[in-house]
Amino acid sequence: MLHTNHYKIKEISEVINGSTPSTKEDDNYDGDIIWLTPKDLSDQRTKYIYRGERNITKKGYDSCGTKMIPPDNIIMSSRAPIGLLSINKNECCTNQGFKSLILNKNLADTNYMYYFIKHHMPQIEALGSGTTFKEVSKDSMENYEIDIPDLLTQKKIADVLSCIDDKIALNNKTNTELENMAKTVYDYWFTQFDFPDKNGNPYKTSGGQMVYNEALKREIPVGWEVGKLSDIAYFLTETTGVENLQNYITTDNILPNKQGVTKAEFIPTYGNVLKYEEYDILIANIRPYFKKIWLSNTTGMCSNDVLCIKAKKSIYNFFLYRFLWRDDFFDYVMKGAKGSKMPRGDKKHIMSMPIPIPNNNTLLESFNAFYGPLQNQIWENQKENDELTNIRNYLLPLLMNGQIEVK
């Protein structure tokens, strides 16, 4: 039986609010003070956060009621939404959307408290009140009652769970490096046009003949075609009833920055859904989610708010995926989006996007030979992370409740 001590949160930590400097004064921002918003915690692939999207200046810091949080403490969003959780690895401050805990390290281990709060998040969310949106108040957080073991036991429990999370983080880091490698080669070959020529030399740099193309407003290699996206791809339209539902994908569970997908929590109970297959490309089709894209490694279903794009020939699979990953593609989608409240990408407009197409299959085959093993490793790492996440989520309540004892 796990022996625990009873506390209120305020007895093991200082609970602090954040604040936002006036956005009307430019000199409040772009300083060297790390400042976090809930959006910065939206990528929950890792328990650590190092910096936010924006920094503030000393002037901005002094102008509002935010407070510095020393490294290795708990950052928790307390509204819009409640429950985003991280450990800050650098000194930082936050906006008003947080209730952060500066822990008494003699009583509470940071990693343990991260997992403890994660496990008890449903109860903490229930503390929220408000009409427009729920918010956990400072008072309710301070007076939230907890039972935790002694510091040594906390560290032992946290070490077990941290080992799993560290491996997940390593896999994510590896995938980022593989994706960067793939992007570099794609850009080198198909944007800078320095693909290997017949002698193995970079084409453009070695004096390969180029010709100006009016549609692209740039030079491309002689012999290449400039077609439309519809020349190499099309939108899937096949639907199936929800009774056959599997691997359901929505705009919510496509992760940002091409990181894969998570399991959908919401399953529709009526209507039809789109069917996708391996190597199909799924793109969130509601602004502001346009920049969420996934190359499928399975078959499944997706909501009608997800665009399903298939290459007309398998030789275009990776070439098409990398083209759709480009920022100028997403810019093109957004320019043609239709709708006022929730703009959606227009399929006809998307398929009209000009694209330079190599004049022989040899180059595409070479790219596939390079890219295929990288993508397979990315998929393997994502699969392992899913399995590790399931193991961690299984162990978490058992460790917290003392059903498993750590020696």
Protein backbone atom coordinates (compact mmCIF):
# COMPACT_ATOMS: atom_id res chain seq x y z
CA MET A 1 0.00 0.00 0.00
CA LEU A 2 1.37 3.39 -1.03
CA HIS A 3 1.80 5.67 1.98
CA THR A 4 0.90 9.27 1.16
CA ASN A 5 0.82 12.69 2.78
CA HIS A 6 -2.17 14.99 2.48
CA TYR A 7 -1.70 18.57 1.25
CA LYS A 8 -3.44 21.42 -0.44
CA ILE A 9 -1.68 22.57 -3.61
CA LYS A 10 -0.76 25.85 -1.95
CA GLU A 11 1.12 23.94 0.75
CA ILE A 12 3.57 22.44 -1.75
CA SER A 13 3.76 25.28 -4.28
CA GLU A 14 3.11 28.90 -5.10
CA VAL A 15 0.26 29.22 -7.59
CA ILE A 16 0.69 32.21 -9.89
CA ASN A 17 -1.30 33.88 -12.64
CA GLY A 18 0.10 35.41 -15.78
CA SER A 19 -0.72 38.54 -17.74
CA THR A 20 -0.48 40.08 -21.22
CA PRO A 21 1.32 43.35 -22.01
CA SER A 22 -0.61 45.75 -24.22
CA THR A 23 -0.43 44.57 -27.83
CA LYS A 24 -0.91 48.17 -28.96
CA GLU A 25 2.64 49.02 -27.93
CA ASP A 26 5.19 47.31 -30.17
CA ASP A 27 8.05 47.85 -27.75
CA ASN A 28 6.38 45.47 -25.29
CA TYR A 29 7.33 42.58 -27.55
CA ASP A 30 10.31 40.95 -29.31
CA GLY A 31 12.51 41.18 -26.24
CA ASP A 32 14.48 38.45 -24.49
CA ILE A 33 11.94 37.38 -21.83
CA ILE A 34 10.22 34.07 -22.67
CA TRP A 35 6.45 34.51 -22.52
CA LEU A 36 4.01 31.64 -23.02
CA THR A 37 0.40 31.39 -24.16
CA PRO A 38 -1.79 28.26 -24.25
CA LYS A 39 -1.14 28.03 -27.99
CA ASP A 40 2.54 27.37 -27.23
CA LEU A 41 1.52 24.23 -25.34
CA SER A 42 -0.80 22.94 -28.07
CA ASP A 43 1.83 20.45 -29.28
CA GLN A 44 1.68 17.93 -26.45
CA ARG A 45 4.24 15.50 -27.92
CA THR A 46 6.68 16.33 -25.14
CA LYS A 47 6.31 17.24 -21.49
CA TYR A 48 8.91 20.01 -21.74
CA ILE A 49 8.63 23.50 -23.13
CA TYR A 50 11.65 25.67 -23.87
CA ARG A 51 10.23 28.84 -25.40
CA GLY A 52 7.09 30.38 -26.84
CA GLU A 53 6.15 31.94 -30.13
CA ARG A 54 6.74 35.46 -28.81
CA ASN A 55 9.06 37.04 -26.27
CA ILE A 56 8.35 40.21 -24.34
CA THR A 57 10.62 43.06 -23.30
CA LYS A 58 11.46 44.25 -19.81
CA LYS A 59 9.09 47.15 -20.46
CA GLY A 60 6.32 44.75 -21.39
CA TYR A 61 7.02 42.61 -18.35
CA ASP A 62 6.93 45.60 -15.98
CA SER A 63 3.72 46.90 -17.55
CA CYS A 64 1.59 43.91 -16.59
CA GLY A 65 1.08 41.51 -13.71
CA THR A 66 2.91 38.48 -15.02
CA LYS A 67 5.61 36.84 -12.92
CA MET A 68 8.81 34.96 -13.68
CA ILE A 69 8.73 31.20 -13.19
CA PRO A 70 12.08 29.52 -12.42
CA PRO A 71 13.07 26.51 -14.58
CA ASP A 72 11.63 23.05 -13.89
CA ASN A 73 8.21 23.96 -12.60
CA ILE A 74 4.67 23.19 -13.74
CA ILE A 75 2.97 25.25 -16.46
CA MET A 76 -0.78 24.50 -16.75
CA SER A 77 -3.33 26.25 -18.92
CA SER A 78 -6.39 27.15 -16.86
CA ARG A 79 -8.72 28.27 -19.66
CA ALA A 80 -9.28 28.00 -23.40
CA PRO A 81 -8.53 25.14 -22.88
CA ILE A 82 -8.03 23.86 -19.35
CA GLY A 83 -5.36 21.24 -18.95
CA LEU A 84 -2.47 21.84 -21.36
CA LEU A 85 0.51 20.85 -19.27
CA SER A 86 4.29 21.26 -19.52
CA ILE A 87 7.47 21.59 -17.50
CA ASN A 88 9.37 24.78 -18.34
CA LYS A 89 13.08 24.15 -18.99
CA ASN A 90 13.93 27.86 -19.03
CA GLU A 91 12.89 30.79 -16.86
CA CYS A 92 9.71 32.23 -18.33
CA CYS A 93 6.44 34.00 -17.69
CA THR A 94 2.95 33.46 -19.09
CA ASN A 95 -0.22 35.22 -20.14
CA GLN A 96 -3.38 35.11 -18.04
CA GLY A 97 -4.42 31.71 -19.39
CA PHE A 98 -2.34 29.80 -16.84
CA LYS A 99 -2.17 28.70 -13.24
CA SER A 100 1.51 27.80 -12.89
CA LEU A 101 3.02 26.02 -9.89
CA ILE A 102 6.39 27.05 -8.46
CA LEU A 103 7.04 23.92 -6.43
CA ASN A 104 8.62 23.44 -3.05
CA LYS A 105 11.25 20.96 -4.23
CA ASN A 106 11.67 19.60 -0.69
CA LEU A 107 8.11 18.28 -0.85
CA ALA A 108 7.30 17.80 -4.53
CA ASP A 109 9.31 16.41 -7.45
CA THR A 110 8.64 18.27 -10.68
CA ASN A 111 8.33 15.21 -12.92
CA TYR A 112 6.11 13.42 -10.43
CA MET A 113 3.80 16.42 -10.12
CA TYR A 114 3.57 16.64 -13.91
CA TYR A 115 2.28 13.06 -14.05
CA PHE A 116 0.16 13.49 -10.92
CA ILE A 117 -1.65 16.52 -12.36
CA LYS A 118 -1.97 14.80 -15.73
CA HIS A 119 -3.64 11.83 -14.03
CA HIS A 120 -5.99 14.08 -12.02
CA MET A 121 -6.77 16.51 -14.84
CA PRO A 122 -10.47 15.50 -15.08
CA GLN A 123 -10.93 16.53 -11.43
CA ILE A 124 -9.00 19.76 -11.98
CA GLU A 125 -11.05 20.57 -15.08
CA ALA A 126 -14.17 20.13 -12.96
CA LEU A 127 -12.98 23.07 -10.82
CA GLY A 128 -13.54 25.37 -13.80
CA SER A 129 -16.38 27.87 -13.76
CA GLY A 130 -17.65 30.63 -16.02
CA THR A 131 -20.24 31.26 -18.72
CA THR A 132 -18.32 32.22 -21.87
CA PHE A 133 -15.61 29.62 -21.17
CA LYS A 134 -14.62 27.59 -18.14
CA GLU A 135 -11.64 28.75 -16.10
CA VAL A 136 -9.88 27.30 -13.06
CA SER A 137 -9.46 30.10 -10.54
CA LYS A 138 -6.33 30.66 -8.47
CA ASP A 139 -8.25 30.04 -5.26
CA SER A 140 -9.71 26.73 -6.40
CA MET A 141 -6.29 25.57 -7.64
CA GLU A 142 -4.58 26.57 -4.40
CA ASN A 143 -7.11 24.71 -2.31
CA TYR A 144 -7.24 21.58 -4.42
CA GLU A 145 -6.43 18.68 -2.08
CA ILE A 146 -3.90 16.02 -3.03
CA ASP A 147 -2.30 12.91 -1.54
CA ILE A 148 1.30 12.30 -2.59
CA PRO A 149 4.05 9.96 -1.34
CA ASP A 150 7.42 10.98 0.09
CA LEU A 151 9.96 12.65 -2.20
CA LEU A 152 12.06 9.51 -2.82
CA THR A 153 9.01 7.50 -3.87
CA GLN A 154 7.87 10.37 -6.10
CA LYS A 155 11.20 10.32 -7.91
CA LYS A 156 11.09 6.54 -8.40
CA ILE A 157 7.58 6.69 -9.89
CA ALA A 158 8.48 9.64 -12.10
CA ASP A 159 11.63 7.88 -13.35
CA VAL A 160 9.57 4.95 -14.69
CA LEU A 161 7.21 7.20 -16.60
CA SER A 162 9.99 9.57 -17.71
CA CYS A 163 11.92 6.72 -19.32
CA ILE A 164 8.94 6.10 -21.59
CA ASP A 165 8.46 9.78 -22.37
CA ASP A 166 12.18 10.22 -23.05
CA LYS A 167 12.04 7.47 -25.68
CA ILE A 168 8.97 9.07 -27.25
CA ALA A 169 10.81 12.42 -27.35
CA LEU A 170 13.86 10.75 -28.94
CA ASN A 171 11.69 9.20 -31.66
CA ASN A 172 10.08 12.57 -32.32
CA LYS A 173 13.49 14.21 -32.58
CA THR A 174 14.65 11.51 -35.00
CA ASN A 175 11.55 11.99 -37.13
CA THR A 176 12.14 15.75 -37.25
CA GLU A 177 15.70 15.14 -38.46
CA LEU A 178 14.50 12.65 -41.10
CA GLU A 179 11.85 15.09 -42.29
CA ASN A 180 14.41 17.89 -42.50
CA MET A 181 16.69 15.61 -44.53
CA ALA A 182 13.85 14.78 -46.91
CA LYS A 183 12.91 18.45 -47.25
CA THR A 184 16.52 19.40 -48.02
CA VAL A 185 16.81 16.87 -50.84
CA TYR A 186 13.38 17.77 -52.27
CA ASP A 187 14.22 21.48 -52.27
CA TYR A 188 17.65 20.81 -53.77
CA TRP A 189 16.25 18.70 -56.61
CA PHE A 190 12.81 20.16 -57.33
CA THR A 191 13.02 23.80 -56.18
CA GLN A 192 16.65 24.73 -56.85
CA PHE A 193 16.79 22.21 -59.73
CA ASP A 194 20.15 20.86 -58.67
CA PHE A 195 19.10 17.24 -59.13
CA PRO A 196 21.84 14.85 -60.36
CA ASP A 197 22.37 15.19 -64.10
CA LYS A 198 23.47 12.28 -66.32
CA ASN A 199 27.01 12.65 -64.96
CA GLY A 200 25.87 12.82 -61.33
CA ASN A 201 26.54 16.56 -61.08
CA PRO A 202 24.01 19.16 -59.79
CA TYR A 203 22.01 20.13 -62.89
CA LYS A 204 21.56 23.90 -62.59
CA THR A 205 24.86 24.64 -60.85
CA SER A 206 26.71 22.64 -63.51
CA GLY A 207 25.21 24.73 -66.31
CA GLY A 208 22.09 22.74 -67.11
CA GLN A 209 19.90 24.59 -69.60
CA MET A 210 17.03 26.56 -68.07
CA VAL A 211 14.04 28.34 -69.61
CA TYR A 212 11.74 31.00 -68.16
CA ASN A 213 8.14 29.92 -67.46
CA GLU A 214 5.45 32.57 -67.34
CA ALA A 215 3.03 30.58 -65.15
CA LEU A 216 5.63 30.07 -62.40
CA LYS A 217 7.38 33.40 -62.96
CA ARG A 218 10.75 31.65 -62.82
CA GLU A 219 13.15 29.48 -64.77
CA ILE A 220 12.77 25.70 -64.92
CA PRO A 221 14.91 23.00 -66.60
CA VAL A 222 14.48 22.65 -70.34
CA GLY A 223 12.09 19.82 -71.15
CA TRP A 224 10.14 20.00 -67.90
CA GLU A 225 6.41 20.56 -68.15
CA VAL A 226 4.39 23.02 -66.13
CA GLY A 227 1.01 21.50 -65.55
CA LYS A 228 -1.69 21.81 -62.95
CA LEU A 229 -1.96 19.82 -59.76
CA SER A 230 -4.86 17.99 -61.38
CA ASP A 231 -2.39 16.50 -63.91
CA ILE A 232 -0.80 14.31 -61.24
CA ALA A 233 -3.43 14.09 -58.48
CA TYR A 234 -7.14 14.07 -57.72
CA PHE A 235 -9.48 14.35 -54.76
CA LEU A 236 -11.00 11.17 -53.34
CA THR A 237 -14.77 11.17 -53.28
CA GLU A 238 -15.62 7.57 -52.29
CA THR A 239 -17.64 7.42 -49.10
CA THR A 240 -18.62 4.63 -46.78
CA GLY A 241 -21.12 4.32 -43.95
CA VAL A 242 -19.98 4.91 -40.40
CA GLU A 243 -20.71 1.27 -39.54
CA ASN A 244 -17.40 0.45 -41.29
CA LEU A 245 -15.52 3.14 -39.37
CA GLN A 246 -11.82 2.63 -38.63
CA ASN A 247 -8.81 4.91 -38.17
CA TYR A 248 -11.12 7.92 -38.18
CA ILE A 249 -9.31 11.18 -39.00
CA THR A 250 -10.60 14.71 -38.34
CA THR A 251 -9.04 18.17 -38.50
CA ASP A 252 -8.40 17.86 -34.76
CA ASN A 253 -6.36 14.67 -34.74
CA ILE A 254 -4.09 15.51 -37.66
CA LEU A 255 -1.10 16.87 -35.76
CA PRO A 256 0.50 20.17 -36.81
CA ASN A 257 3.84 20.37 -38.63
CA LYS A 258 3.36 17.02 -40.39
CA GLN A 259 3.91 14.99 -37.22
CA GLY A 260 1.34 12.28 -37.89
CA VAL A 261 -2.07 11.70 -36.37
CA THR A 262 -3.60 10.80 -33.03
CA LYS A 263 -6.60 8.61 -32.40
CA ALA A 264 -9.87 10.47 -32.79
CA GLU A 265 -11.90 10.87 -29.60
CA PHE A 266 -15.09 11.78 -31.48
CA ILE A 267 -16.79 9.13 -33.59
CA PRO A 268 -19.74 10.22 -35.76
CA THR A 269 -22.95 8.25 -35.43
CA TYR A 270 -24.61 9.11 -38.72
CA GLY A 271 -23.98 9.89 -42.38
CA ASN A 272 -21.07 8.94 -44.65
CA VAL A 273 -17.35 9.50 -44.33
CA LEU A 274 -14.54 9.58 -46.89
CA LYS A 275 -12.40 6.48 -47.36
CA TYR A 276 -8.62 6.82 -47.73
CA GLU A 277 -5.79 4.36 -48.41
CA GLU A 278 -2.04 4.03 -47.95
CA TYR A 279 -0.04 6.91 -49.52
CA ASP A 280 -3.11 9.13 -49.75
CA ILE A 281 -2.52 12.65 -48.44
CA LEU A 282 -4.92 14.13 -45.88
CA ILE A 283 -5.09 17.88 -45.32
CA ALA A 284 -7.24 19.74 -42.81
CA ASN A 285 -9.60 21.90 -44.84
CA ILE A 286 -10.88 24.52 -42.39
CA ARG A 287 -8.93 27.70 -41.72
CA PRO A 288 -6.84 28.08 -39.59
CA TYR A 289 -5.98 24.39 -39.77
CA PHE A 290 -4.82 24.33 -43.43
CA LYS A 291 -1.21 23.64 -42.46
CA LYS A 292 -2.01 20.23 -40.99
CA ILE A 293 -1.09 17.47 -43.44
CA TRP A 294 -0.51 13.72 -43.16
CA LEU A 295 0.77 11.03 -45.52
CA SER A 296 -1.26 7.93 -44.75
CA ASN A 297 0.37 4.57 -44.01
CA THR A 298 -2.93 2.75 -43.59
CA THR A 299 -6.54 2.64 -44.70
CA GLY A 300 -9.28 4.43 -42.85
CA MET A 301 -12.00 7.05 -42.87
CA CYS A 302 -12.01 10.81 -42.46
CA SER A 303 -14.47 13.61 -41.98
CA ASN A 304 -15.65 15.84 -44.80
CA ASP A 305 -13.53 18.64 -43.33
CA VAL A 306 -10.43 16.75 -44.46
CA LEU A 307 -9.22 16.83 -48.07
CA CYS A 308 -8.11 13.44 -49.38
CA ILE A 309 -5.66 13.70 -52.28
CA LYS A 310 -4.32 10.73 -54.25
CA ALA A 311 -1.47 10.66 -56.77
CA LYS A 312 -2.56 9.43 -60.21
CA LYS A 313 0.55 7.25 -60.40
CA SER A 314 2.55 5.73 -57.54
CA ILE A 315 5.71 7.29 -58.92
CA TYR A 316 4.31 10.68 -57.86
CA ASN A 317 3.53 9.66 -54.23
CA PHE A 318 6.47 11.25 -52.41
CA PHE A 319 7.01 14.02 -54.98
CA LEU A 320 3.36 15.07 -54.54
CA TYR A 321 3.51 14.88 -50.74
CA ARG A 322 6.56 17.10 -50.55
CA PHE A 323 5.01 19.57 -53.00
CA LEU A 324 1.86 19.81 -50.86
CA TRP A 325 4.02 20.34 -47.78
CA ARG A 326 5.41 23.60 -49.15
CA ASP A 327 4.37 26.90 -47.60
CA ASP A 328 3.45 28.32 -51.00
CA PHE A 329 0.91 25.51 -51.45
CA PHE A 330 -0.83 26.43 -48.19
CA ASP A 331 -0.70 30.10 -49.16
CA TYR A 332 -2.37 29.17 -52.45
CA VAL A 333 -5.10 27.22 -50.59
CA MET A 334 -5.80 30.12 -48.25
CA LYS A 335 -6.04 32.66 -51.09
CA GLY A 336 -8.79 30.62 -52.72
CA ALA A 337 -10.63 29.65 -49.54
CA LYS A 338 -14.36 30.31 -49.47
CA GLY A 339 -16.60 31.12 -46.51
CA SER A 340 -16.76 33.87 -43.91
CA LYS A 341 -16.81 32.24 -40.47
CA MET A 342 -14.96 29.00 -41.25
CA PRO A 343 -13.27 29.35 -44.68
CA ARG A 344 -12.65 26.11 -46.53
CA GLY A 345 -10.21 25.40 -49.32
CA ASP A 346 -11.83 25.37 -52.75
CA LYS A 347 -11.12 22.10 -54.55
CA LYS A 348 -11.26 23.54 -58.05
CA HIS A 349 -8.87 26.33 -57.08
CA ILE A 350 -6.49 23.90 -55.39
CA MET A 351 -6.30 21.60 -58.41
CA SER A 352 -5.52 24.57 -60.65
CA MET A 353 -2.21 25.29 -58.88
CA PRO A 354 0.70 25.22 -61.35
CA ILE A 355 3.38 22.63 -60.70
CA PRO A 356 6.69 21.89 -62.49
CA ILE A 357 6.80 18.23 -63.53
CA PRO A 358 10.06 16.39 -64.37
CA ASN A 359 10.33 15.23 -67.96
CA ASN A 360 11.40 11.68 -67.12
CA ASN A 361 10.61 9.03 -64.54
CA THR A 362 14.23 8.32 -63.67
CA LEU A 363 14.47 11.37 -61.42
CA LEU A 364 11.21 10.52 -59.65
CA GLU A 365 12.33 6.90 -59.20
CA SER A 366 15.60 8.09 -57.66
CA PHE A 367 13.70 10.39 -55.31
CA ASN A 368 11.39 7.55 -54.28
CA ALA A 369 14.38 5.28 -53.63
CA PHE A 370 15.83 7.93 -51.32
CA TYR A 371 12.61 9.02 -49.68
CA GLY A 372 10.88 5.66 -49.16
CA PRO A 373 13.22 4.33 -46.40
CA LEU A 374 13.05 7.67 -44.57
CA GLN A 375 9.26 7.67 -44.61
CA ASN A 376 9.11 4.04 -43.49
CA GLN A 377 11.37 4.87 -40.52
CA ILE A 378 9.16 7.84 -39.64
CA TRP A 379 6.11 5.58 -39.69
CA GLU A 380 7.88 2.95 -37.54
CA ASN A 381 8.83 5.59 -34.97
CA GLN A 382 5.27 6.91 -34.90
CA LYS A 383 3.95 3.37 -34.41
CA GLU A 384 6.39 2.77 -31.55
CA ASN A 385 5.33 6.05 -29.97
CA ASP A 386 1.69 4.98 -30.11
CA GLU A 387 2.60 1.74 -28.33
CA LEU A 388 4.73 3.54 -25.74
CA THR A 389 1.97 6.08 -25.11
CA ASN A 390 -0.48 3.25 -24.46
CA ILE A 391 1.96 1.62 -22.01
CA ARG A 392 2.53 4.94 -20.19
CA ASN A 393 -1.19 5.64 -19.99
CA TYR A 394 -1.77 2.15 -18.61
CA LEU A 395 0.93 2.47 -15.95
CA LEU A 396 0.08 6.04 -14.92
CA PRO A 397 -3.04 5.34 -12.81
CA LEU A 398 -1.56 2.13 -11.39
CA LEU A 399 1.56 3.97 -10.18
CA MET A 400 -0.39 6.94 -8.87
CA ASN A 401 -2.83 4.74 -6.96
CA GLY A 402 -0.14 2.48 -5.52
CA GLN A 403 -1.37 -0.61 -7.38
CA ILE A 404 2.18 -1.07 -8.70
CA GLU A 405 5.04 -0.57 -6.28
CA VAL A 406 8.37 0.76 -7.52
CA LYS A 407 11.38 -0.67 -5.71
